[in-house]
Protein backbone atom coordinates (compact mmCIF):
# COMPACT_ATOMS: atom_id res chain seq x y z
CA MET A 1 63.60 88.68 162.94
CA PRO A 2 59.91 89.04 163.88
CA ALA A 3 57.92 91.85 165.45
CA HIS A 4 56.92 91.68 169.11
CA VAL A 5 53.87 93.63 170.31
CA ILE A 6 53.31 95.04 173.80
CA VAL A 7 49.69 95.71 174.81
CA GLY A 8 48.02 96.74 178.03
CA ALA A 9 45.82 93.99 179.45
CA GLN A 10 43.73 96.17 181.78
CA TRP A 11 42.58 99.82 181.74
CA GLY A 12 45.96 101.28 180.83
CA ASP A 13 48.69 102.48 183.23
CA GLU A 14 49.97 98.90 183.56
CA GLY A 15 53.63 99.88 183.32
CA LYS A 16 54.05 99.36 179.55
CA GLY A 17 56.77 101.98 179.32
CA ARG A 18 58.82 100.28 182.01
CA VAL A 19 58.42 96.91 180.25
CA ALA A 20 59.03 98.35 176.77
CA ASP A 21 62.26 99.84 178.12
CA TRP A 22 63.28 96.33 179.26
CA TYR A 23 62.57 94.68 175.91
CA ALA A 24 64.02 97.63 173.95
CA ALA A 25 67.48 96.48 175.00
CA GLN A 26 66.94 93.46 172.73
CA SER A 27 65.43 95.45 169.85
CA ASP A 28 66.65 97.45 166.87
CA ILE A 29 63.48 99.52 166.52
CA VAL A 30 60.76 100.51 169.00
CA ALA A 31 57.60 101.72 167.26
CA ARG A 32 54.65 103.37 168.98
CA PHE A 33 51.44 102.46 167.13
CA ALA A 34 48.48 104.38 168.64
CA GLY A 35 47.31 107.17 170.92
CA GLY A 36 48.70 110.60 171.62
CA ASP A 37 50.10 112.58 174.52
CA ASN A 38 47.21 111.39 176.68
CA ALA A 39 49.52 108.43 177.36
CA GLY A 40 52.33 108.58 179.87
CA HIS A 41 55.20 106.13 180.26
CA THR A 42 57.49 106.44 183.27
CA VAL A 43 60.94 104.86 182.94
CA ARG A 44 63.56 104.92 185.66
CA VAL A 45 67.25 104.50 184.79
CA GLY A 46 69.52 104.56 187.82
CA ASP A 47 68.61 107.68 189.77
CA ASP A 48 66.98 109.32 186.73
CA THR A 49 63.26 109.21 186.01
CA PHE A 50 61.97 109.91 182.50
CA LYS A 51 58.32 110.68 181.78
CA LEU A 52 57.55 110.01 178.13
CA HIS A 53 54.29 110.95 176.42
CA LEU A 54 54.82 110.57 172.66
CA VAL A 55 58.35 109.29 172.14
CA PRO A 56 58.75 105.49 172.42
CA SER A 57 60.47 104.12 175.52
CA GLY A 58 63.39 102.82 173.45
CA VAL A 59 64.73 106.36 173.14
CA LEU A 60 66.83 105.79 176.25
CA TYR A 61 69.00 103.25 174.39
CA PRO A 62 71.35 105.14 172.02
CA ASP A 63 71.38 102.49 169.30
CA VAL A 64 67.60 101.98 169.10
CA ILE A 65 65.58 103.71 166.37
CA CYS A 66 62.28 105.14 167.65
CA VAL A 67 59.18 105.39 165.48
CA LEU A 68 55.98 107.39 165.93
CA GLY A 69 53.51 105.42 163.83
CA GLY A 70 50.64 106.39 161.57
CA GLY A 71 48.02 105.25 164.09
CA MET A 72 49.05 108.03 166.46
CA VAL A 73 47.66 111.54 166.82
CA ILE A 74 50.48 113.97 167.49
CA ASN A 75 50.46 117.42 169.03
CA PRO A 76 53.46 119.00 167.26
CA VAL A 77 54.09 121.53 170.04
CA LYS A 78 54.08 118.86 172.74
CA LEU A 79 56.32 116.58 170.68
CA VAL A 80 58.89 119.34 170.17
CA GLU A 81 58.84 120.09 173.91
CA GLU A 82 59.39 116.42 174.71
CA LEU A 83 62.21 116.01 172.20
CA LYS A 84 64.01 119.14 173.38
CA GLY A 85 63.59 118.04 176.99
CA LEU A 86 65.25 114.73 176.15
CA ALA A 87 68.06 116.52 174.31
CA ASP A 88 68.66 118.70 177.36
CA ARG A 89 69.25 115.48 179.32
CA GLY A 90 71.80 114.18 176.84
CA ILE A 91 69.53 111.93 174.74
CA ASP A 92 70.17 111.79 170.99
CA ILE A 93 67.03 113.05 169.20
CA SER A 94 68.48 113.34 165.72
CA PRO A 95 66.33 112.45 162.68
CA ASP A 96 68.65 109.46 162.17
CA ARG A 97 67.02 107.74 165.14
CA ILE A 98 63.61 109.44 165.57
CA LYS A 99 61.13 108.76 162.76
CA ILE A 100 57.61 110.21 162.32
CA ALA A 101 55.16 108.46 160.02
CA MET A 102 53.76 110.69 157.31
CA ASN A 103 50.24 109.30 157.80
CA ALA A 104 49.91 110.12 161.51
CA HIS A 105 47.33 112.79 162.35
CA ILE A 106 47.95 116.17 163.94
CA ILE A 107 46.30 117.56 167.07
CA THR A 108 45.62 121.28 166.81
CA PRO A 109 44.58 123.89 169.41
CA ALA A 110 41.06 123.61 167.95
CA HIS A 111 40.96 119.90 168.83
CA ILE A 112 41.96 120.71 172.39
CA ALA A 113 39.28 123.40 172.64
CA LEU A 114 36.65 121.02 171.26
CA ASP A 115 37.69 118.28 173.70
CA GLY A 116 37.26 120.58 176.69
CA ALA A 117 33.95 121.97 175.40
CA ARG A 118 32.51 118.49 174.85
CA GLU A 119 33.47 117.27 178.31
CA ALA A 120 32.00 120.41 179.88
CA GLN A 121 28.74 119.90 178.01
CA ARG A 122 28.49 116.28 179.23
CA GLY A 123 28.44 117.51 182.82
CA GLU A 124 27.89 114.60 185.19
CA LYS A 125 28.10 112.20 182.25
CA ALA A 126 31.66 113.25 181.37
CA ILE A 127 33.77 110.27 180.32
CA GLY A 128 37.00 111.55 181.86
CA THR A 129 39.12 112.46 178.84
CA THR A 130 42.48 114.13 179.37
CA LYS A 131 41.19 117.13 177.37
CA ARG A 132 44.25 116.99 175.13
CA GLY A 133 42.36 116.86 171.85
CA ILE A 134 42.74 113.13 171.25
CA GLY A 135 39.10 112.30 170.54
CA PRO A 136 38.41 115.28 168.24
CA ALA A 137 41.60 114.55 166.25
CA TYR A 138 40.51 110.93 165.70
CA THR A 139 37.01 112.18 164.87
CA ASP A 140 38.44 114.37 162.11
CA LYS A 141 40.54 111.45 160.91
CA VAL A 142 37.49 109.24 160.48
CA ALA A 143 35.50 112.12 158.95
CA ARG A 144 38.35 112.58 156.45
CA VAL A 145 38.90 116.23 157.31
CA GLY A 146 42.00 115.76 159.50
CA LEU A 147 45.50 117.15 159.07
CA ARG A 148 48.29 114.61 158.58
CA THR A 149 51.94 114.85 159.46
CA GLY A 150 52.95 114.50 155.82
CA MET A 151 51.57 118.02 155.32
CA LEU A 152 54.51 119.36 157.35
CA ALA A 153 56.68 118.90 154.25
CA ASP A 154 55.20 122.10 152.79
CA LEU A 155 55.16 124.61 155.64
CA GLU A 156 53.26 127.39 153.91
CA ASP A 157 50.57 125.04 152.68
CA PHE A 158 50.39 123.49 156.15
CA ALA A 159 49.82 126.92 157.72
CA ASN A 160 46.97 127.61 155.29
CA ARG A 161 45.41 124.22 156.07
CA VAL A 162 45.60 124.96 159.81
CA LYS A 163 43.80 128.25 159.26
CA ALA A 164 41.05 126.57 157.25
CA HIS A 165 40.75 123.83 159.86
CA THR A 166 40.44 126.43 162.63
CA VAL A 167 37.68 128.29 160.77
CA TYR A 168 35.81 125.00 160.33
CA SER A 169 36.27 124.05 163.99
CA ASN A 170 35.18 127.48 165.19
CA ARG A 171 31.74 126.89 163.70
CA CYS A 172 31.40 123.81 165.90
CA LEU A 173 32.78 125.56 168.98
CA GLU A 174 30.33 128.43 168.68
CA ALA A 175 27.20 126.71 167.33
CA LEU A 176 27.31 123.47 169.33
CA TYR A 177 29.00 124.46 172.57
CA GLY A 178 28.72 128.24 172.86
CA ALA A 179 32.49 128.40 173.27
CA GLU A 180 34.88 131.14 172.26
CA PRO A 181 36.38 130.79 168.75
CA LEU A 182 40.12 130.62 168.13
CA ASP A 183 42.09 133.08 166.03
CA PRO A 184 43.09 131.21 162.83
CA ASP A 185 46.25 133.24 162.28
CA GLU A 186 47.46 132.84 165.87
CA THR A 187 46.72 129.11 165.72
CA ALA A 188 48.72 128.68 162.52
CA THR A 189 51.61 130.67 163.98
CA SER A 190 51.64 128.52 167.12
CA LEU A 191 52.12 125.37 165.02
CA TYR A 192 54.46 126.75 162.36
CA ALA A 193 57.70 126.67 164.41
CA ALA A 194 56.95 123.14 165.65
CA ALA A 195 56.24 122.01 162.09
CA GLU A 196 59.53 123.47 160.90
CA PHE A 197 61.38 121.59 163.65
CA LEU A 198 59.68 118.26 162.93
CA LYS A 199 59.85 118.31 159.12
CA PRO A 200 63.24 116.48 158.93
CA TYR A 201 61.82 113.56 160.96
CA LEU A 202 59.16 112.57 158.40
CA THR A 203 59.55 108.99 157.13
CA ASP A 204 57.65 106.41 155.10
CA VAL A 205 57.27 104.22 158.19
CA PRO A 206 55.45 101.20 156.69
CA LEU A 207 58.19 100.86 154.06
CA MET A 208 60.95 101.40 156.60
CA LEU A 209 59.55 98.72 158.93
CA TYR A 210 59.00 96.26 156.10
CA GLU A 211 62.58 96.62 154.96
CA ALA A 212 63.86 96.33 158.54
CA LEU A 213 61.92 93.10 159.11
CA GLN A 214 63.10 91.70 155.79
CA GLU A 215 66.68 92.43 156.86
CA GLY A 216 66.19 90.51 160.12
CA GLN A 217 65.95 93.44 162.49
CA GLN A 218 63.96 93.13 165.74
CA VAL A 219 60.95 95.48 165.94
CA LEU A 220 59.18 96.11 169.23
CA CYS A 221 55.67 97.54 168.80
CA GLU A 222 54.68 99.67 171.78
CA GLY A 223 51.06 100.45 172.60
CA ALA A 224 49.39 103.02 174.80
CA GLN A 225 46.37 102.69 177.09
CA GLY A 226 44.87 99.22 177.61
CA THR A 227 42.46 96.61 176.30
CA LEU A 228 39.45 97.86 178.27
CA LEU A 229 39.97 101.30 176.70
CA ASP A 230 39.96 100.01 173.11
CA ILE A 231 37.47 101.95 170.95
CA ASP A 232 35.97 98.69 169.62
CA HIS A 233 36.62 96.15 172.36
CA GLY A 234 36.72 98.31 175.47
CA ASN A 235 34.20 99.47 178.06
CA TYR A 236 32.39 101.83 175.65
CA PRO A 237 31.80 104.79 175.92
CA PHE A 238 34.44 105.06 178.67
CA VAL A 239 37.25 104.36 176.21
CA THR A 240 40.00 106.04 174.29
CA SER A 241 39.61 106.86 170.57
CA SER A 242 42.23 104.46 169.24
CA THR A 243 42.99 100.73 169.15
CA PRO A 244 45.39 99.71 171.96
CA THR A 245 44.96 95.99 171.19
CA VAL A 246 47.11 93.98 168.79
CA GLY A 247 45.10 95.06 165.75
CA GLY A 248 46.25 98.62 166.39
CA ALA A 249 49.85 97.57 165.86
CA ILE A 250 49.06 96.13 162.47
CA THR A 251 47.05 99.09 161.20
CA GLY A 252 48.93 101.77 163.12
CA LEU A 253 52.33 100.75 161.79
CA GLY A 254 51.39 99.19 158.46
CA ILE A 255 52.96 95.78 159.06
CA GLY A 256 51.43 92.44 158.10
CA PRO A 257 50.31 90.01 160.84
CA ARG A 258 52.68 87.31 159.57
CA HIS A 259 55.57 89.32 161.04
CA ILE A 260 54.20 89.15 164.61
CA GLU A 261 55.65 86.35 166.71
CA ARG A 262 54.93 87.45 170.30
CA VAL A 263 52.08 89.46 171.81
CA ILE A 264 53.09 90.46 175.33
CA GLY A 265 50.30 91.54 177.65
CA ILE A 266 51.16 93.84 180.55
CA ALA A 267 49.14 93.67 183.76
CA LYS A 268 49.63 95.09 187.20
CA ALA A 269 49.50 92.70 190.15
CA TYR A 270 46.29 94.57 191.03
CA SER A 271 43.94 96.81 189.02
CA THR A 272 43.77 100.55 188.39
CA ARG A 273 41.63 102.80 186.30
CA VAL A 274 41.67 106.55 185.52
CA GLY A 275 38.54 108.48 184.61
CA ALA A 276 34.89 107.51 184.66
CA GLY A 277 33.31 104.12 183.99
CA PRO A 278 32.52 100.89 185.84
CA PHE A 279 35.34 99.18 187.71
CA PRO A 280 34.14 95.94 189.38
CA THR A 281 37.04 95.39 191.80
CA GLU A 282 37.49 99.03 192.88
CA LEU A 283 38.35 99.51 196.56
CA LEU A 284 36.91 102.66 198.10
CA ASP A 285 38.57 102.10 201.46
CA GLU A 286 41.88 102.09 203.27
CA GLN A 287 43.15 99.18 201.17
CA GLY A 288 42.49 101.11 197.97
CA ASP A 289 44.35 104.10 199.42
CA ARG A 290 47.24 101.85 200.33
CA LEU A 291 47.50 100.50 196.78
CA ARG A 292 47.42 104.06 195.43
CA GLY A 293 50.12 105.52 197.66
CA THR A 294 50.42 109.19 198.52
CA GLY A 295 51.96 110.58 195.36
CA ALA A 296 55.28 111.06 197.13
CA ASN A 297 57.22 109.15 194.47
CA PRO A 298 56.83 108.30 190.75
CA TRP A 299 55.90 104.70 191.63
CA ASP A 300 52.62 105.81 193.26
CA GLU A 301 49.29 105.58 191.40
CA PHE A 302 48.93 109.07 189.95
CA GLY A 303 48.70 109.66 186.21
CA THR A 304 52.01 110.36 184.44
CA THR A 305 50.26 112.73 182.04
CA THR A 306 47.50 114.29 184.15
CA GLY A 307 48.57 113.72 187.74
CA ARG A 308 45.06 112.42 188.49
CA PRO A 309 44.82 109.84 191.30
CA ARG A 310 44.10 106.40 189.89
CA ARG A 311 41.21 104.31 191.12
CA CYS A 312 42.62 101.11 192.63
CA GLY A 313 41.30 97.62 193.30
CA TRP A 314 42.11 93.92 193.44
CA LEU A 315 43.31 91.96 190.43
CA ASP A 316 40.55 91.02 187.98
CA THR A 317 41.36 87.90 185.96
CA VAL A 318 38.04 88.11 184.11
CA VAL A 319 39.51 91.21 182.45
CA LEU A 320 42.85 89.50 181.85
CA ARG A 321 41.23 86.50 180.17
CA TYR A 322 39.36 88.89 177.91
CA ALA A 323 42.57 90.71 177.00
CA ALA A 324 44.30 87.40 176.32
CA ARG A 325 41.51 86.37 173.98
CA ILE A 326 41.17 89.68 172.10
CA SER A 327 44.88 90.13 171.39
CA GLY A 328 45.98 86.48 171.33
CA LEU A 329 48.49 87.02 174.13
CA THR A 330 51.43 84.65 174.04
CA GLU A 331 52.65 85.70 177.48
CA LEU A 332 52.04 88.04 180.39
CA VAL A 333 54.22 90.45 182.32
CA VAL A 334 53.07 91.22 185.86
CA THR A 335 54.24 94.59 187.17
CA LYS A 336 54.39 96.10 190.66
CA LEU A 337 54.16 92.85 192.59
CA ASP A 338 56.11 94.63 195.35
CA ILE A 339 53.12 96.88 196.11
CA LEU A 340 51.23 93.87 197.51
CA SER A 341 53.86 93.23 200.20
CA GLY A 342 52.42 93.74 203.67
CA PHE A 343 48.84 92.65 203.02
CA ASP A 344 47.69 89.82 205.29
CA THR A 345 45.36 88.52 202.62
CA ILE A 346 44.93 89.37 198.94
CA LYS A 347 41.89 88.90 196.75
CA ILE A 348 41.60 87.87 193.10
CA ALA A 349 38.34 88.25 191.13
CA ASP A 350 37.96 85.18 188.94
CA ALA A 351 34.25 85.55 188.14
CA TYR A 352 31.33 87.98 188.46
CA THR A 353 27.82 87.75 189.77
CA PHE A 354 25.61 89.17 187.03
CA ARG A 355 21.83 89.28 187.43
CA GLY A 356 21.90 86.39 189.89
CA LYS A 357 24.21 84.19 187.80
CA THR A 358 27.94 83.47 187.96
CA ILE A 359 29.83 84.43 184.80
CA ARG A 360 33.54 83.99 184.07
CA GLU A 361 33.72 86.23 181.01
CA LEU A 362 32.91 89.89 180.46
CA PRO A 363 29.33 90.59 179.30
CA GLY A 364 29.11 90.76 175.50
CA ASP A 365 27.66 94.23 175.99
CA GLN A 366 30.21 95.96 178.17
CA GLY A 367 27.63 98.63 178.90
CA LEU A 368 26.38 96.07 181.44
CA LEU A 369 29.70 95.89 183.30
CA ALA A 370 28.32 98.21 186.00
CA GLU A 371 25.90 95.41 186.95
CA CYS A 372 28.73 92.95 187.61
CA ALA A 373 29.89 92.28 191.17
CA PRO A 374 33.22 90.48 191.64
CA ASP A 375 33.41 86.96 193.04
CA TYR A 376 36.67 86.77 194.95
CA GLN A 377 39.16 84.08 195.80
CA THR A 378 41.22 84.97 198.88
CA THR A 379 44.87 84.04 199.03
CA ASP A 380 47.56 84.52 201.67
CA GLY A 381 49.62 87.66 201.57
CA TRP A 382 53.29 88.10 202.50
CA GLN A 383 55.10 90.58 204.72
CA GLU A 384 58.60 90.49 203.21
CA ASP A 385 60.03 93.37 201.16
CA ILE A 386 60.62 91.83 197.72
CA MET A 387 62.05 94.86 195.91
CA GLY A 388 65.55 93.38 195.95
CA VAL A 389 64.56 89.93 194.71
CA THR A 390 65.77 88.99 191.22
CA ASP A 391 65.30 85.20 191.39
CA TYR A 392 61.74 83.87 191.22
CA GLU A 393 62.53 80.99 193.58
CA LYS A 394 63.58 83.51 196.25
CA LEU A 395 60.18 85.19 196.33
CA PRO A 396 58.09 84.36 199.41
CA ALA A 397 56.01 81.22 198.89
CA ALA A 398 52.80 83.26 199.11
CA ALA A 399 54.04 85.61 196.36
CA GLN A 400 54.89 82.66 194.13
CA SER A 401 51.48 81.16 194.81
CA TYR A 402 49.82 84.47 193.85
CA VAL A 403 51.69 84.58 190.54
CA GLU A 404 50.86 80.96 189.76
CA LYS A 405 47.16 81.35 190.63
CA THR A 406 47.02 84.36 188.30
CA GLU A 407 48.71 82.39 185.53
CA GLN A 408 46.28 79.48 185.94
CA ALA A 409 43.24 81.76 185.97
CA VAL A 410 44.29 83.55 182.77
CA GLY A 411 45.71 80.58 180.92
CA VAL A 412 48.77 82.48 179.69
CA PRO A 413 52.33 82.00 181.00
CA ILE A 414 53.82 84.80 183.11
CA LYS A 415 57.36 85.35 181.82
CA LEU A 416 58.43 88.56 183.56
CA ILE A 417 57.68 90.16 186.93
CA THR A 418 58.70 93.62 188.12
CA VAL A 419 59.28 94.37 191.80
CA GLY A 420 60.25 98.02 191.57
CA PRO A 421 60.68 100.91 189.15
CA ALA A 422 64.34 100.35 188.22
CA ARG A 423 65.49 98.19 185.32
CA ALA A 424 67.31 95.84 187.68
CA GLN A 425 64.16 95.20 189.71
CA THR A 426 62.97 92.60 187.23
CA ILE A 427 62.50 88.85 187.62
CA VAL A 428 62.82 86.73 184.46
CA ARG A 429 60.78 83.56 184.95
């Protein structure tokens, strides 16, 4: 069987966890390939809501093996908290079904301190990181001074490496940012218990996945964040530090591209963004507030990880075409179509006005995105509550028209639509 890859087609927060949970039912393995606990996936099963940050969404199916891939950066303390929280709710977290790649990188307290210090120094030019140490951990990875999960196999040596890493990081904290240094011994102690807990989960993930694919098992590759946050192809510098596009699955898991059959892009029926950076279709009015909700339920637009209110706006198919091109999307999933119920009219941005000209693709230099104003098409809205609809043909005509206009604008078939947070609130098209 082949590998299927799920990627975010916007700025992240598209509902990938909800969709990965749907496809996990048809998979043997769900493997997360990038990012850290700056990501948040909300999955609702019956009356239960699960908020996942590091563990793949497939963990809620007892027969699915869950993999944390080498492209990730992992905070050991946070991972242990998440695993124990799942165990307390009756989820099997044994090493037989949870696997941690030995080449993933570790987030330390020093990385978190550096993240906060850098954002504080940027002042008004802050890029809106979650301050969870993601960027500094990836920086150390590229600089070849990072700590890798394989080091957990020798706990005493790992503790000594953490101390040395903290001493090194303290020089940066003090000299560059005027921040307080961390105690190396306390830092090592804080990670030691987590390392001891996680040691049995270490696995040669690239080999494991290769063998699984050779045996005909179905592997679902789960991303975090979205295309416009990709370190190479996103809206730089307002990006994450990893590769959320399809290339991240290949490098982050160590599988060859010949194994990938489907690349499934996830997009909301509108647009959201968290943090700083240009956002052409942002609505700073009552309509934007309506898309966001009040935060009264998990379906509202507030970050799963940070709780920050998301910036909201109309759907941008310029962005979706870009995502389709970068990752070679074979299909799209549109989430949260139900949120658009009740609008008299709905807008779709299918082009931009840029320096007096109409353009239908993102500027080659995304630093110029702030100069792009959306050119909208207006389509009829619908008033009906669609959260109970499971048959595409039973959607209001205006809702069907909206889906089909989106599909035509992007040039990729829409195969799945969600109309609510529960598994059953899914339309297969």
